[in-house]
Amino acid sequence: MKLNKLYLGVVFLFLAIFISGCSREKVDMNVLSDDNQFHYQNRDLKFAIDLPADFIYYQTQRKNEANYIDVEFFVPTTDTDYFQEVSGYAKPIVVRVFKQDYWNKLENDSAEFDVEFNALVGDSDEIFSGKDDYVYVVKYWGVIPGDWQEKWSNEMKDKISRSFKAN
């Protein structure tokens, strides 16, 4: 009987250690990481992107449309002359996510593709193919708010683009 209790105690101890110590570490996207970046991950749409420390207090918004999904990133701004879709925030990045089959249809139907591609993609900065069934189009703001003129740079934009990963 003593051996069974000892055995049971060891099993419970092992399970407690395993559950608490071996679980995958969760990353809080709202906390600046050790590398001075915010690591945004969207598991539903299978992509990740790193944002600079200047994006403190950033917010995201998801918009579901018929043929794509937009994930919009917003940063605080005090520029009252800047068009603010969300009060007090500017929109520096939009990740537009297409299903691969819809994207293929657009590419194969050249007349429709030209019109619809320009309407949906326009002058986007980056296009990434996903590993599975998504294509990602990344757009950056065209007009930069006054209080972001000193913060935003092509170097920052390039670093964000290089960090984009389709999971």
N, C-alpha and C. Protein backbone atom coordinates (compact mmCIF):
# COMPACT_ATOMS: atom_id res chain seq x y z
N MET A 1 0.82 -1.18 0.00
CA MET A 1 0.00 0.00 0.00
C MET A 1 0.87 1.26 0.00
N LYS A 2 1.96 1.21 0.78
CA LYS A 2 2.86 2.33 0.85
C LYS A 2 3.52 2.59 -0.51
N LEU A 3 3.81 1.53 -1.22
CA LEU A 3 4.43 1.63 -2.54
C LEU A 3 3.47 2.29 -3.54
N ASN A 4 2.18 1.95 -3.46
CA ASN A 4 1.18 2.55 -4.35
C ASN A 4 1.05 4.05 -4.11
N LYS A 5 1.06 4.47 -2.81
CA LYS A 5 0.97 5.89 -2.49
C LYS A 5 2.21 6.63 -2.99
N LEU A 6 3.36 6.02 -2.82
CA LEU A 6 4.60 6.62 -3.30
C LEU A 6 4.58 6.75 -4.82
N TYR A 7 4.17 5.67 -5.48
CA TYR A 7 4.07 5.66 -6.94
C TYR A 7 3.10 6.74 -7.42
N LEU A 8 1.93 6.84 -6.79
CA LEU A 8 0.93 7.83 -7.15
C LEU A 8 1.46 9.26 -6.91
N GLY A 9 2.16 9.46 -5.81
CA GLY A 9 2.75 10.77 -5.51
C GLY A 9 3.77 11.18 -6.55
N VAL A 10 4.61 10.23 -6.98
CA VAL A 10 5.62 10.52 -8.00
C VAL A 10 4.95 10.87 -9.33
N VAL A 11 3.89 10.15 -9.69
CA VAL A 11 3.17 10.42 -10.93
C VAL A 11 2.57 11.82 -10.90
N PHE A 12 1.91 12.19 -9.80
CA PHE A 12 1.32 13.53 -9.69
C PHE A 12 2.39 14.61 -9.72
N LEU A 13 3.50 14.39 -9.06
CA LEU A 13 4.60 15.35 -9.07
C LEU A 13 5.14 15.52 -10.48
N PHE A 14 5.34 14.42 -11.18
CA PHE A 14 5.83 14.47 -12.56
C PHE A 14 4.85 15.24 -13.46
N LEU A 15 3.56 14.96 -13.32
CA LEU A 15 2.55 15.65 -14.13
C LEU A 15 2.53 17.14 -13.83
N ALA A 16 2.63 17.51 -12.57
CA ALA A 16 2.63 18.92 -12.20
C ALA A 16 3.83 19.65 -12.80
N ILE A 17 5.00 19.03 -12.73
CA ILE A 17 6.20 19.63 -13.30
C ILE A 17 6.07 19.72 -14.82
N PHE A 18 5.59 18.67 -15.44
CA PHE A 18 5.45 18.63 -16.89
C PHE A 18 4.48 19.70 -17.38
N ILE A 19 3.34 19.81 -16.74
CA ILE A 19 2.32 20.77 -17.17
C ILE A 19 2.80 22.21 -16.97
N SER A 20 3.44 22.49 -15.86
CA SER A 20 3.86 23.86 -15.58
C SER A 20 5.13 24.25 -16.31
N GLY A 21 6.04 23.33 -16.52
CA GLY A 21 7.34 23.67 -17.08
C GLY A 21 7.49 23.46 -18.56
N CYS A 22 6.69 22.63 -19.14
CA CYS A 22 6.88 22.28 -20.54
C CYS A 22 5.88 22.93 -21.48
N SER A 23 5.00 23.71 -20.95
CA SER A 23 4.03 24.35 -21.84
C SER A 23 4.72 25.45 -22.63
N ARG A 24 4.22 25.69 -23.84
CA ARG A 24 4.82 26.70 -24.70
C ARG A 24 4.61 28.08 -24.08
N GLU A 25 5.64 28.88 -24.08
CA GLU A 25 5.56 30.21 -23.50
C GLU A 25 4.69 31.10 -24.39
N LYS A 26 3.73 31.76 -23.77
CA LYS A 26 2.86 32.67 -24.50
C LYS A 26 3.56 34.02 -24.62
N VAL A 27 3.44 34.61 -25.79
CA VAL A 27 4.01 35.93 -26.02
C VAL A 27 2.89 36.94 -25.92
N ASP A 28 3.06 37.91 -25.03
CA ASP A 28 2.09 38.98 -24.90
C ASP A 28 2.42 40.03 -25.95
N MET A 29 1.55 40.16 -26.95
CA MET A 29 1.81 41.06 -28.07
C MET A 29 1.78 42.53 -27.65
N ASN A 30 1.26 42.82 -26.46
CA ASN A 30 1.18 44.20 -25.99
C ASN A 30 2.37 44.62 -25.15
N VAL A 31 3.32 43.71 -24.99
CA VAL A 31 4.51 44.00 -24.19
C VAL A 31 5.72 44.00 -25.11
N LEU A 32 6.53 45.03 -24.99
CA LEU A 32 7.75 45.13 -25.77
C LEU A 32 8.68 44.00 -25.38
N SER A 33 9.18 43.27 -26.36
CA SER A 33 10.04 42.12 -26.07
C SER A 33 11.48 42.58 -25.83
N ASP A 34 12.32 41.63 -25.48
CA ASP A 34 13.72 41.94 -25.18
C ASP A 34 14.46 42.54 -26.38
N ASP A 35 14.00 42.22 -27.59
CA ASP A 35 14.66 42.76 -28.79
C ASP A 35 14.07 44.11 -29.23
N ASN A 36 13.31 44.74 -28.33
CA ASN A 36 12.77 46.08 -28.54
C ASN A 36 11.75 46.14 -29.68
N GLN A 37 10.96 45.08 -29.81
CA GLN A 37 9.92 45.01 -30.82
C GLN A 37 8.65 44.41 -30.22
N PHE A 38 7.53 44.67 -30.87
CA PHE A 38 6.28 44.00 -30.56
C PHE A 38 6.12 42.88 -31.59
N HIS A 39 5.86 41.68 -31.12
CA HIS A 39 5.73 40.53 -32.02
C HIS A 39 4.25 40.19 -32.16
N TYR A 40 3.67 40.62 -33.27
CA TYR A 40 2.25 40.36 -33.53
C TYR A 40 2.12 39.04 -34.28
N GLN A 41 1.23 38.19 -33.80
CA GLN A 41 0.98 36.92 -34.47
C GLN A 41 -0.52 36.73 -34.62
N ASN A 42 -0.94 36.39 -35.84
CA ASN A 42 -2.34 36.11 -36.11
C ASN A 42 -2.44 34.64 -36.51
N ARG A 43 -2.84 33.83 -35.56
CA ARG A 43 -2.90 32.38 -35.80
C ARG A 43 -4.03 32.00 -36.76
N ASP A 44 -5.15 32.72 -36.70
CA ASP A 44 -6.27 32.43 -37.60
C ASP A 44 -5.88 32.60 -39.06
N LEU A 45 -5.18 33.68 -39.36
CA LEU A 45 -4.82 33.99 -40.74
C LEU A 45 -3.39 33.59 -41.07
N LYS A 46 -2.72 32.97 -40.13
CA LYS A 46 -1.42 32.33 -40.33
C LYS A 46 -0.32 33.28 -40.78
N PHE A 47 -0.17 34.41 -40.06
CA PHE A 47 0.95 35.29 -40.35
C PHE A 47 1.43 35.95 -39.06
N ALA A 48 2.66 36.43 -39.12
CA ALA A 48 3.27 37.15 -38.00
C ALA A 48 4.05 38.33 -38.56
N ILE A 49 4.15 39.36 -37.75
CA ILE A 49 4.88 40.56 -38.17
C ILE A 49 5.46 41.22 -36.91
N ASP A 50 6.66 41.77 -37.04
CA ASP A 50 7.30 42.46 -35.92
C ASP A 50 7.13 43.97 -36.12
N LEU A 51 6.78 44.64 -35.03
CA LEU A 51 6.54 46.08 -35.07
C LEU A 51 7.55 46.78 -34.17
N PRO A 52 8.02 47.96 -34.57
CA PRO A 52 9.03 48.66 -33.78
C PRO A 52 8.46 49.21 -32.46
N ALA A 53 9.37 49.58 -31.58
CA ALA A 53 8.99 50.11 -30.26
C ALA A 53 8.12 51.36 -30.38
N ASP A 54 8.26 52.11 -31.46
CA ASP A 54 7.45 53.31 -31.67
C ASP A 54 5.96 52.99 -31.79
N PHE A 55 5.62 51.73 -32.01
CA PHE A 55 4.22 51.33 -32.14
C PHE A 55 3.55 51.08 -30.79
N ILE A 56 4.13 51.61 -29.72
CA ILE A 56 3.56 51.43 -28.39
C ILE A 56 2.09 51.88 -28.41
N TYR A 57 1.26 51.14 -27.75
CA TYR A 57 -0.19 51.35 -27.69
C TYR A 57 -0.89 51.10 -29.04
N TYR A 58 -0.23 50.32 -29.91
CA TYR A 58 -0.88 50.02 -31.19
C TYR A 58 -2.14 49.18 -30.96
N GLN A 59 -3.05 49.27 -31.90
CA GLN A 59 -4.30 48.50 -31.87
C GLN A 59 -4.47 47.83 -33.23
N THR A 60 -5.24 46.76 -33.26
CA THR A 60 -5.57 46.11 -34.53
C THR A 60 -7.08 46.02 -34.67
N GLN A 61 -7.48 45.95 -35.90
CA GLN A 61 -8.90 45.79 -36.21
C GLN A 61 -9.00 44.86 -37.41
N ARG A 62 -9.92 43.95 -37.34
CA ARG A 62 -10.12 42.99 -38.44
C ARG A 62 -11.43 43.32 -39.15
N LYS A 63 -11.37 43.40 -40.48
CA LYS A 63 -12.56 43.64 -41.30
C LYS A 63 -12.72 42.48 -42.27
N ASN A 64 -13.85 41.81 -42.18
CA ASN A 64 -14.13 40.69 -43.08
C ASN A 64 -14.94 41.19 -44.27
N GLU A 65 -14.40 41.03 -45.45
CA GLU A 65 -15.10 41.38 -46.68
C GLU A 65 -15.43 40.09 -47.43
N ALA A 66 -16.13 40.21 -48.55
CA ALA A 66 -16.57 39.03 -49.29
C ALA A 66 -15.41 38.17 -49.78
N ASN A 67 -14.35 38.80 -50.30
CA ASN A 67 -13.26 38.04 -50.93
C ASN A 67 -11.91 38.19 -50.25
N TYR A 68 -11.88 38.90 -49.15
CA TYR A 68 -10.62 39.10 -48.44
C TYR A 68 -10.91 39.53 -47.01
N ILE A 69 -9.85 39.55 -46.21
CA ILE A 69 -9.92 40.03 -44.83
C ILE A 69 -8.82 41.06 -44.65
N ASP A 70 -9.14 42.19 -44.07
CA ASP A 70 -8.14 43.20 -43.73
C ASP A 70 -7.83 43.13 -42.25
N VAL A 71 -6.54 43.14 -41.93
CA VAL A 71 -6.09 43.33 -40.56
C VAL A 71 -5.40 44.70 -40.56
N GLU A 72 -6.02 45.65 -39.88
CA GLU A 72 -5.54 47.02 -39.87
C GLU A 72 -4.80 47.30 -38.56
N PHE A 73 -3.65 47.93 -38.68
CA PHE A 73 -2.85 48.31 -37.52
C PHE A 73 -2.97 49.82 -37.32
N PHE A 74 -3.24 50.23 -36.10
CA PHE A 74 -3.40 51.64 -35.76
C PHE A 74 -2.38 52.03 -34.70
N VAL A 75 -1.86 53.25 -34.82
CA VAL A 75 -0.95 53.80 -33.82
C VAL A 75 -1.48 55.16 -33.36
N PRO A 76 -1.22 55.52 -32.11
CA PRO A 76 -1.71 56.81 -31.62
C PRO A 76 -1.12 57.98 -32.41
N THR A 77 -1.93 59.00 -32.64
CA THR A 77 -1.46 60.24 -33.26
C THR A 77 -2.17 61.42 -32.60
N THR A 78 -1.44 62.52 -32.54
CA THR A 78 -2.03 63.76 -32.02
C THR A 78 -2.29 64.75 -33.14
N ASP A 79 -2.01 64.36 -34.36
CA ASP A 79 -2.19 65.22 -35.53
C ASP A 79 -3.68 65.32 -35.86
N THR A 80 -4.29 66.43 -35.49
CA THR A 80 -5.73 66.60 -35.71
C THR A 80 -6.07 66.90 -37.17
N ASP A 81 -5.07 67.26 -37.97
CA ASP A 81 -5.30 67.50 -39.40
C ASP A 81 -5.29 66.20 -40.20
N TYR A 82 -4.78 65.15 -39.59
CA TYR A 82 -4.69 63.85 -40.27
C TYR A 82 -6.05 63.16 -40.22
N PHE A 83 -6.48 62.57 -41.36
CA PHE A 83 -7.74 61.84 -41.37
C PHE A 83 -7.63 60.66 -40.41
N GLN A 84 -8.52 60.61 -39.45
CA GLN A 84 -8.50 59.55 -38.44
C GLN A 84 -9.74 58.70 -38.57
N GLU A 85 -9.56 57.51 -39.09
CA GLU A 85 -10.66 56.55 -39.19
C GLU A 85 -11.13 56.15 -37.79
N VAL A 86 -10.16 56.00 -36.90
CA VAL A 86 -10.42 55.75 -35.48
C VAL A 86 -9.86 56.95 -34.73
N SER A 87 -10.69 57.60 -33.94
CA SER A 87 -10.30 58.83 -33.27
C SER A 87 -9.01 58.67 -32.47
N GLY A 88 -8.05 59.56 -32.73
CA GLY A 88 -6.78 59.54 -32.02
C GLY A 88 -5.77 58.55 -32.55
N TYR A 89 -6.09 57.88 -33.66
CA TYR A 89 -5.20 56.86 -34.21
C TYR A 89 -5.01 57.04 -35.71
N ALA A 90 -3.83 56.70 -36.19
CA ALA A 90 -3.51 56.66 -37.62
C ALA A 90 -3.30 55.20 -38.02
N LYS A 91 -3.44 54.93 -39.31
CA LYS A 91 -3.36 53.55 -39.80
C LYS A 91 -2.13 53.39 -40.70
N PRO A 92 -0.99 52.95 -40.11
CA PRO A 92 0.23 52.81 -40.91
C PRO A 92 0.30 51.54 -41.76
N ILE A 93 -0.39 50.49 -41.34
CA ILE A 93 -0.25 49.19 -42.03
C ILE A 93 -1.62 48.53 -42.16
N VAL A 94 -1.84 47.96 -43.34
CA VAL A 94 -2.99 47.08 -43.56
C VAL A 94 -2.45 45.81 -44.20
N VAL A 95 -2.79 44.67 -43.61
CA VAL A 95 -2.48 43.38 -44.22
C VAL A 95 -3.79 42.84 -44.78
N ARG A 96 -3.86 42.76 -46.10
CA ARG A 96 -5.06 42.24 -46.78
C ARG A 96 -4.79 40.78 -47.12
N VAL A 97 -5.67 39.91 -46.65
CA VAL A 97 -5.47 38.46 -46.78
C VAL A 97 -6.51 37.89 -47.74
N PHE A 98 -6.00 37.26 -48.80
CA PHE A 98 -6.86 36.60 -49.80
C PHE A 98 -6.72 35.10 -49.67
N LYS A 99 -7.78 34.37 -49.92
CA LYS A 99 -7.68 32.91 -50.06
C LYS A 99 -6.95 32.64 -51.37
N GLN A 100 -6.10 31.63 -51.36
CA GLN A 100 -5.29 31.30 -52.53
C GLN A 100 -6.16 31.02 -53.76
N ASP A 101 -7.27 30.32 -53.61
CA ASP A 101 -8.10 29.99 -54.77
C ASP A 101 -8.72 31.25 -55.39
N TYR A 102 -9.11 32.22 -54.58
CA TYR A 102 -9.65 33.47 -55.12
C TYR A 102 -8.54 34.25 -55.84
N TRP A 103 -7.36 34.29 -55.24
CA TRP A 103 -6.22 34.97 -55.84
C TRP A 103 -5.90 34.34 -57.20
N ASN A 104 -5.89 33.02 -57.27
CA ASN A 104 -5.62 32.33 -58.54
C ASN A 104 -6.66 32.69 -59.58
N LYS A 105 -7.92 32.79 -59.17
CA LYS A 105 -9.00 33.17 -60.09
C LYS A 105 -8.75 34.57 -60.64
N LEU A 106 -8.35 35.48 -59.78
CA LEU A 106 -8.04 36.84 -60.23
C LEU A 106 -6.91 36.84 -61.25
N GLU A 107 -5.88 36.05 -60.98
CA GLU A 107 -4.73 36.01 -61.88
C GLU A 107 -5.07 35.37 -63.22
N ASN A 108 -5.94 34.37 -63.22
CA ASN A 108 -6.27 33.65 -64.45
C ASN A 108 -7.27 34.37 -65.33
N ASP A 109 -8.09 35.22 -64.77
CA ASP A 109 -9.08 35.97 -65.54
C ASP A 109 -8.53 37.37 -65.75
N SER A 110 -7.72 37.55 -66.78
CA SER A 110 -6.92 38.77 -66.94
C SER A 110 -7.74 40.05 -67.00
N ALA A 111 -8.88 40.06 -67.70
CA ALA A 111 -9.67 41.29 -67.78
C ALA A 111 -10.23 41.66 -66.41
N GLU A 112 -10.80 40.67 -65.74
CA GLU A 112 -11.33 40.92 -64.39
C GLU A 112 -10.18 41.20 -63.43
N PHE A 113 -9.07 40.50 -63.62
CA PHE A 113 -7.92 40.65 -62.73
C PHE A 113 -7.43 42.10 -62.72
N ASP A 114 -7.28 42.69 -63.90
CA ASP A 114 -6.76 44.06 -63.96
C ASP A 114 -7.63 45.03 -63.17
N VAL A 115 -8.93 44.96 -63.38
CA VAL A 115 -9.84 45.88 -62.71
C VAL A 115 -9.92 45.57 -61.22
N GLU A 116 -10.18 44.31 -60.90
CA GLU A 116 -10.36 43.95 -59.49
C GLU A 116 -9.04 44.00 -58.73
N PHE A 117 -7.94 43.60 -59.39
CA PHE A 117 -6.63 43.66 -58.75
C PHE A 117 -6.31 45.10 -58.36
N ASN A 118 -6.50 46.02 -59.29
CA ASN A 118 -6.22 47.42 -58.98
C ASN A 118 -7.13 47.96 -57.89
N ALA A 119 -8.37 47.51 -57.88
CA ALA A 119 -9.30 47.96 -56.84
C ALA A 119 -8.93 47.40 -55.47
N LEU A 120 -8.54 46.13 -55.42
CA LEU A 120 -8.28 45.47 -54.14
C LEU A 120 -6.84 45.61 -53.67
N VAL A 121 -5.90 45.67 -54.60
CA VAL A 121 -4.49 45.68 -54.24
C VAL A 121 -3.89 47.06 -54.46
N GLY A 122 -4.22 47.68 -55.58
CA GLY A 122 -3.73 49.03 -55.85
C GLY A 122 -2.22 49.12 -55.82
N ASP A 123 -1.73 50.13 -55.15
CA ASP A 123 -0.28 50.36 -55.09
C ASP A 123 0.33 49.79 -53.81
N SER A 124 -0.03 48.56 -53.51
CA SER A 124 0.47 47.91 -52.30
C SER A 124 1.98 47.77 -52.36
N ASP A 125 2.57 47.73 -51.20
CA ASP A 125 4.02 47.68 -51.12
C ASP A 125 4.61 46.28 -51.20
N GLU A 126 3.91 45.30 -50.69
CA GLU A 126 4.45 43.94 -50.63
C GLU A 126 3.35 42.92 -50.89
N ILE A 127 3.71 41.83 -51.55
CA ILE A 127 2.80 40.69 -51.72
C ILE A 127 3.57 39.44 -51.31
N PHE A 128 2.98 38.68 -50.39
CA PHE A 128 3.60 37.46 -49.88
C PHE A 128 2.67 36.28 -50.14
N SER A 129 3.23 35.18 -50.59
CA SER A 129 2.43 33.95 -50.72
C SER A 129 2.59 33.16 -49.44
N GLY A 130 1.48 32.65 -48.95
CA GLY A 130 1.51 31.84 -47.74
C GLY A 130 1.89 30.41 -48.06
N LYS A 131 2.21 29.66 -47.04
CA LYS A 131 2.57 28.25 -47.20
C LYS A 131 1.35 27.41 -47.50
N ASP A 132 0.21 27.84 -47.03
CA ASP A 132 -1.00 27.04 -47.20
C ASP A 132 -1.92 27.67 -48.24
N ASP A 133 -2.93 28.32 -47.78
CA ASP A 133 -3.96 28.77 -48.70
C ASP A 133 -4.24 30.26 -48.65
N TYR A 134 -3.23 31.07 -48.35
CA TYR A 134 -3.44 32.51 -48.28
C TYR A 134 -2.38 33.27 -49.09
N VAL A 135 -2.78 34.44 -49.59
CA VAL A 135 -1.87 35.41 -50.17
C VAL A 135 -2.05 36.69 -49.37
N TYR A 136 -0.93 37.31 -48.99
CA TYR A 136 -0.96 38.49 -48.13
C TYR A 136 -0.47 39.71 -48.91
N VAL A 137 -1.24 40.77 -48.86
CA VAL A 137 -0.87 42.03 -49.50
C VAL A 137 -0.71 43.04 -48.37
N VAL A 138 0.47 43.65 -48.29
CA VAL A 138 0.75 44.60 -47.21
C VAL A 138 0.82 46.00 -47.80
N LYS A 139 0.02 46.88 -47.22
CA LYS A 139 -0.01 48.29 -47.63
C LYS A 139 0.43 49.16 -46.46
N TYR A 140 1.24 50.17 -46.78
CA TYR A 140 1.66 51.14 -45.77
C TYR A 140 1.00 52.48 -46.07
N TRP A 141 0.90 53.29 -45.04
CA TRP A 141 0.23 54.58 -45.23
C TRP A 141 0.92 55.41 -46.31
N GLY A 142 0.11 56.18 -47.04
CA GLY A 142 0.64 57.07 -48.06
C GLY A 142 0.95 58.43 -47.47
N VAL A 143 0.08 58.91 -46.60
CA VAL A 143 0.26 60.19 -45.93
C VAL A 143 0.58 59.90 -44.47
N ILE A 144 1.68 60.48 -44.02
CA ILE A 144 2.15 60.23 -42.66
C ILE A 144 1.75 61.41 -41.77
N PRO A 145 1.14 61.15 -40.61
CA PRO A 145 0.76 62.24 -39.71
C PRO A 145 1.98 63.05 -39.26
N GLY A 146 1.74 64.31 -38.93
CA GLY A 146 2.83 65.20 -38.53
C GLY A 146 3.67 64.68 -37.39
N ASP A 147 3.04 64.09 -36.38
CA ASP A 147 3.80 63.61 -35.22
C ASP A 147 4.54 62.30 -35.50
N TRP A 148 4.36 61.74 -36.68
CA TRP A 148 5.09 60.53 -37.07
C TRP A 148 6.17 60.82 -38.12
N GLN A 149 6.28 62.06 -38.57
CA GLN A 149 7.26 62.40 -39.60
C GLN A 149 8.69 62.08 -39.16
N GLU A 150 8.98 62.32 -37.90
CA GLU A 150 10.33 62.06 -37.38
C GLU A 150 10.55 60.58 -37.02
N LYS A 151 9.46 59.88 -36.73
CA LYS A 151 9.56 58.47 -36.31
C LYS A 151 9.64 57.52 -37.50
N TRP A 152 8.79 57.74 -38.49
CA TRP A 152 8.65 56.81 -39.62
C TRP A 152 9.78 57.02 -40.61
N SER A 153 10.30 55.92 -41.14
CA SER A 153 11.36 56.00 -42.14
C SER A 153 11.26 54.80 -43.07
N ASN A 154 11.94 54.89 -44.20
CA ASN A 154 11.99 53.74 -45.11
C ASN A 154 12.68 52.56 -44.44
N GLU A 155 13.65 52.85 -43.58
CA GLU A 155 14.34 51.78 -42.85
C GLU A 155 13.36 51.03 -41.95
N MET A 156 12.48 51.78 -41.25
CA MET A 156 11.48 51.16 -40.39
C MET A 156 10.53 50.31 -41.23
N LYS A 157 10.08 50.85 -42.34
CA LYS A 157 9.17 50.13 -43.24
C LYS A 157 9.83 48.85 -43.75
N ASP A 158 11.08 48.95 -44.19
CA ASP A 158 11.79 47.77 -44.70
C ASP A 158 11.97 46.70 -43.63
N LYS A 159 12.25 47.14 -42.41
CA LYS A 159 12.43 46.19 -41.31
C LYS A 159 11.12 45.47 -41.00
N ILE A 160 10.01 46.20 -41.03
CA ILE A 160 8.70 45.57 -40.82
C ILE A 160 8.43 44.57 -41.93
N SER A 161 8.69 44.97 -43.18
CA SER A 161 8.46 44.07 -44.32
C SER A 161 9.30 42.80 -44.22
N ARG A 162 10.56 42.95 -43.85
CA ARG A 162 11.45 41.78 -43.73
C ARG A 162 10.99 40.84 -42.62
N SER A 163 10.30 41.39 -41.63
CA SER A 163 9.88 40.55 -40.50
C SER A 163 8.62 39.74 -40.80
N PHE A 164 7.90 40.09 -41.88
CA PHE A 164 6.64 39.41 -42.19
C PHE A 164 6.90 37.94 -42.47
N LYS A 165 6.12 37.10 -41.81
CA LYS A 165 6.25 35.66 -42.00
C LYS A 165 4.87 35.04 -42.16
N ALA A 166 4.72 34.29 -43.24
CA ALA A 166 3.50 33.50 -43.43
C ALA A 166 3.75 32.17 -42.74
N ASN A 167 2.90 31.81 -41.81
CA ASN A 167 3.12 30.59 -41.01
C ASN A 167 2.59 29.37 -41.71
